[in-house]
C-alpha atoms as a PDB file:
ATOM      1  CA  UNK A   1      26.370 193.376 112.627  1.00  0.00           C
ATOM      2  CA  UNK A   2      27.837 190.086 111.401  1.00  0.00           C
ATOM      3  CA  UNK A   3      30.689 190.224 113.926  1.00  0.00           C
ATOM      4  CA  UNK A   4      28.222 190.757 116.775  1.00  0.00           C
ATOM      5  CA  UNK A   5      26.472 187.536 115.799  1.00  0.00           C
ATOM      6  CA  UNK A   6      29.843 185.763 116.129  1.00  0.00           C
ATOM      7  CA  UNK A   7      30.259 186.930 119.728  1.00  0.00           C
ATOM      8  CA  UNK A   8      32.334 190.076 119.169  1.00  0.00           C
ATOM      9  CA  UNK A   9      31.768 192.909 121.669  1.00  0.00           C
ATOM     10  CA  UNK A  10      32.541 196.630 121.465  1.00  0.00           C
ATOM     11  CA  UNK A  11      35.900 197.617 122.943  1.00  0.00           C
ATOM     12  CA  UNK A  12      34.208 200.418 124.890  1.00  0.00           C
ATOM     13  CA  UNK A  13      30.653 201.522 125.637  1.00  0.00           C
ATOM     14  CA  UNK A  14      28.970 204.901 125.983  1.00  0.00           C
ATOM     15  CA  UNK A  15      26.427 203.334 128.354  1.00  0.00           C
ATOM     16  CA  UNK A  16      27.119 199.795 129.630  1.00  0.00           C
ATOM     17  CA  UNK A  17      23.630 199.391 131.020  1.00  0.00           C
ATOM     18  CA  UNK A  18      21.932 199.803 127.642  1.00  0.00           C
ATOM     19  CA  UNK A  19      24.831 198.487 125.513  1.00  0.00           C
ATOM     20  CA  UNK A  20      25.098 201.770 123.608  1.00  0.00           C
ATOM     21  CA  UNK A  21      28.430 202.104 121.818  1.00  0.00           C
ATOM     22  CA  UNK A  22      29.870 204.470 119.251  1.00  0.00           C
ATOM     23  CA  UNK A  23      29.326 203.181 115.678  1.00  0.00           C
ATOM     24  CA  UNK A  24      33.043 203.359 114.871  1.00  0.00           C
ATOM     25  CA  UNK A  25      34.313 201.566 117.994  1.00  0.00           C
ATOM     26  CA  UNK A  26      36.568 198.533 117.463  1.00  0.00           C
ATOM     27  CA  UNK A  27      35.056 195.104 118.114  1.00  0.00           C
ATOM     28  CA  UNK A  28      36.908 192.517 120.209  1.00  0.00           C
ATOM     29  CA  UNK A  29      36.802 188.794 119.433  1.00  0.00           C
ATOM     30  CA  UNK A  30      35.832 186.421 122.261  1.00  0.00           C
ATOM     31  CA  UNK A  31      38.888 184.255 121.516  1.00  0.00           C
ATOM     32  CA  UNK A  32      42.264 185.173 120.111  1.00  0.00           C
ATOM     33  CA  UNK A  33      44.711 182.859 118.399  1.00  0.00           C
ATOM     34  CA  UNK A  34      48.405 183.381 118.970  1.00  0.00           C
ATOM     35  CA  UNK A  35      51.542 181.534 117.936  1.00  0.00           C
ATOM     36  CA  UNK A  36      54.342 181.006 120.474  1.00  0.00           C
ATOM     37  CA  UNK A  37      57.850 180.342 119.180  1.00  0.00           C
ATOM     38  CA  UNK A  38      59.759 178.062 121.557  1.00  0.00           C
ATOM     39  CA  UNK A  39      63.566 178.233 121.550  1.00  0.00           C
ATOM     40  CA  UNK A  40      65.765 175.136 121.356  1.00  0.00           C
ATOM     41  CA  UNK A  41      66.045 175.158 125.181  1.00  0.00           C
ATOM     42  CA  UNK A  42      62.259 175.089 125.682  1.00  0.00           C
ATOM     43  CA  UNK A  43      61.637 178.757 126.560  1.00  0.00           C
ATOM     44  CA  UNK A  44      58.819 180.832 125.060  1.00  0.00           C
ATOM     45  CA  UNK A  45      60.881 183.233 122.963  1.00  0.00           C
ATOM     46  CA  UNK A  46      58.238 185.190 121.057  1.00  0.00           C
ATOM     47  CA  UNK A  47      54.454 185.452 120.805  1.00  0.00           C
ATOM     48  CA  UNK A  48      53.001 186.421 117.427  1.00  0.00           C
ATOM     49  CA  UNK A  49      49.468 187.530 116.588  1.00  0.00           C
ATOM     50  CA  UNK A  50      49.448 185.800 113.197  1.00  0.00           C
ATOM     51  CA  UNK A  51      50.953 182.730 111.595  1.00  0.00           C
ATOM     52  CA  UNK A  52      52.634 184.917 108.961  1.00  0.00           C
ATOM     53  CA  UNK A  53      54.280 187.007 111.691  1.00  0.00           C
ATOM     54  CA  UNK A  54      55.502 183.846 113.446  1.00  0.00           C
ATOM     55  CA  UNK A  55      56.928 182.423 110.217  1.00  0.00           C
ATOM     56  CA  UNK A  56      59.102 185.533 109.719  1.00  0.00           C
ATOM     57  CA  UNK A  57      60.152 186.277 113.298  1.00  0.00           C
ATOM     58  CA  UNK A  58      63.833 186.443 114.181  1.00  0.00           C
ATOM     59  CA  UNK A  59      64.385 187.188 117.867  1.00  0.00           C
ATOM     60  CA  UNK A  60      66.689 186.420 120.772  1.00  0.00           C
ATOM     61  CA  UNK A  61      65.238 184.277 123.555  1.00  0.00           C
ATOM     62  CA  UNK A  62      64.637 186.559 126.573  1.00  0.00           C
ATOM     63  CA  UNK A  63      65.834 183.822 128.969  1.00  0.00           C
ATOM     64  CA  UNK A  64      68.893 182.229 127.358  1.00  0.00           C
ATOM     65  CA  UNK A  65      69.687 184.826 124.618  1.00  0.00           C
ATOM     66  CA  UNK A  66      69.817 182.162 121.866  1.00  0.00           C
ATOM     67  CA  UNK A  67      68.934 183.455 118.385  1.00  0.00           C
ATOM     68  CA  UNK A  68      65.547 182.013 117.418  1.00  0.00           C
ATOM     69  CA  UNK A  69      64.039 181.805 113.942  1.00  0.00           C
ATOM     70  CA  UNK A  70      61.285 179.510 112.631  1.00  0.00           C
ATOM     71  CA  UNK A  71      63.960 177.159 111.203  1.00  0.00           C
ATOM     72  CA  UNK A  72      66.055 176.997 114.411  1.00  0.00           C
ATOM     73  CA  UNK A  73      63.252 176.888 116.970  1.00  0.00           C
ATOM     74  CA  UNK A  74      62.139 173.755 118.820  1.00  0.00           C
ATOM     75  CA  UNK A  75      58.498 174.255 117.775  1.00  0.00           C
ATOM     76  CA  UNK A  76      55.799 176.833 117.129  1.00  0.00           C
ATOM     77  CA  UNK A  77      52.743 176.337 119.348  1.00  0.00           C
ATOM     78  CA  UNK A  78      49.318 177.551 118.262  1.00  0.00           C
ATOM     79  CA  UNK A  79      47.283 178.705 121.269  1.00  0.00           C
ATOM     80  CA  UNK A  80      43.706 179.906 121.539  1.00  0.00           C
ATOM     81  CA  UNK A  81      43.017 182.125 124.547  1.00  0.00           C
ATOM     82  CA  UNK A  82      39.915 183.867 125.854  1.00  0.00           C
ATOM     83  CA  UNK A  83      40.110 187.606 125.316  1.00  0.00           C
ATOM     84  CA  UNK A  84      40.253 189.911 128.314  1.00  0.00           C
ATOM     85  CA  UNK A  85      36.740 190.742 129.500  1.00  0.00           C
ATOM     86  CA  UNK A  86      35.158 187.494 128.242  1.00  0.00           C
ATOM     87  CA  UNK A  87      35.584 185.425 131.414  1.00  0.00           C
ATOM     88  CA  UNK A  88      32.810 183.999 133.589  1.00  0.00           C
ATOM     89  CA  UNK A  89      33.089 186.929 136.000  1.00  0.00           C
ATOM     90  CA  UNK A  90      32.631 189.394 133.119  1.00  0.00           C
ATOM     91  CA  UNK A  91      29.469 187.560 132.008  1.00  0.00           C
ATOM     92  CA  UNK A  92      28.098 187.619 135.548  1.00  0.00           C
ATOM     93  CA  UNK A  93      28.841 191.357 135.803  1.00  0.00           C
ATOM     94  CA  UNK A  94      27.028 191.993 132.492  1.00  0.00           C
ATOM     95  CA  UNK A  95      23.995 190.051 133.671  1.00  0.00           C
ATOM     96  CA  UNK A  96      24.003 191.963 136.968  1.00  0.00           C
ATOM     97  CA  UNK A  97      24.045 195.267 135.066  1.00  0.00           C
ATOM     98  CA  UNK A  98      21.028 194.231 133.014  1.00  0.00           C
ATOM     99  CA  UNK A  99      19.008 193.112 136.048  1.00  0.00           C
END
C-alpha cells in the first residue's frame, strides 16, 4: 500500500475499469533512474539500472568499439525518465476509462 501512495501502479490489471489487480503483481515506479556511461568519444556506451552496476561495468562502445570502464569513460550521466505508461496520454486514457 505504501508504494501506491508514492505513485506506483500495477504492471497489469485484471480489470482496468475498476483498477482490480492480482495481489502479487509487480508495481511499476512512475520514474526510473538510470546511469549512462559515455565513452571517451562521446557515445552512450552502456545504460545501467543502478549506480553499483554502472560503477562495475566493463563494455565495448557499440559505435566505436573502444573499451569502456568507469575509470576510462568520459563521464557517467544520471538520468531520470518517466516510466512507460505514465505519460500524459496514459493519464487521459485512465480518466476516460473511469468516466
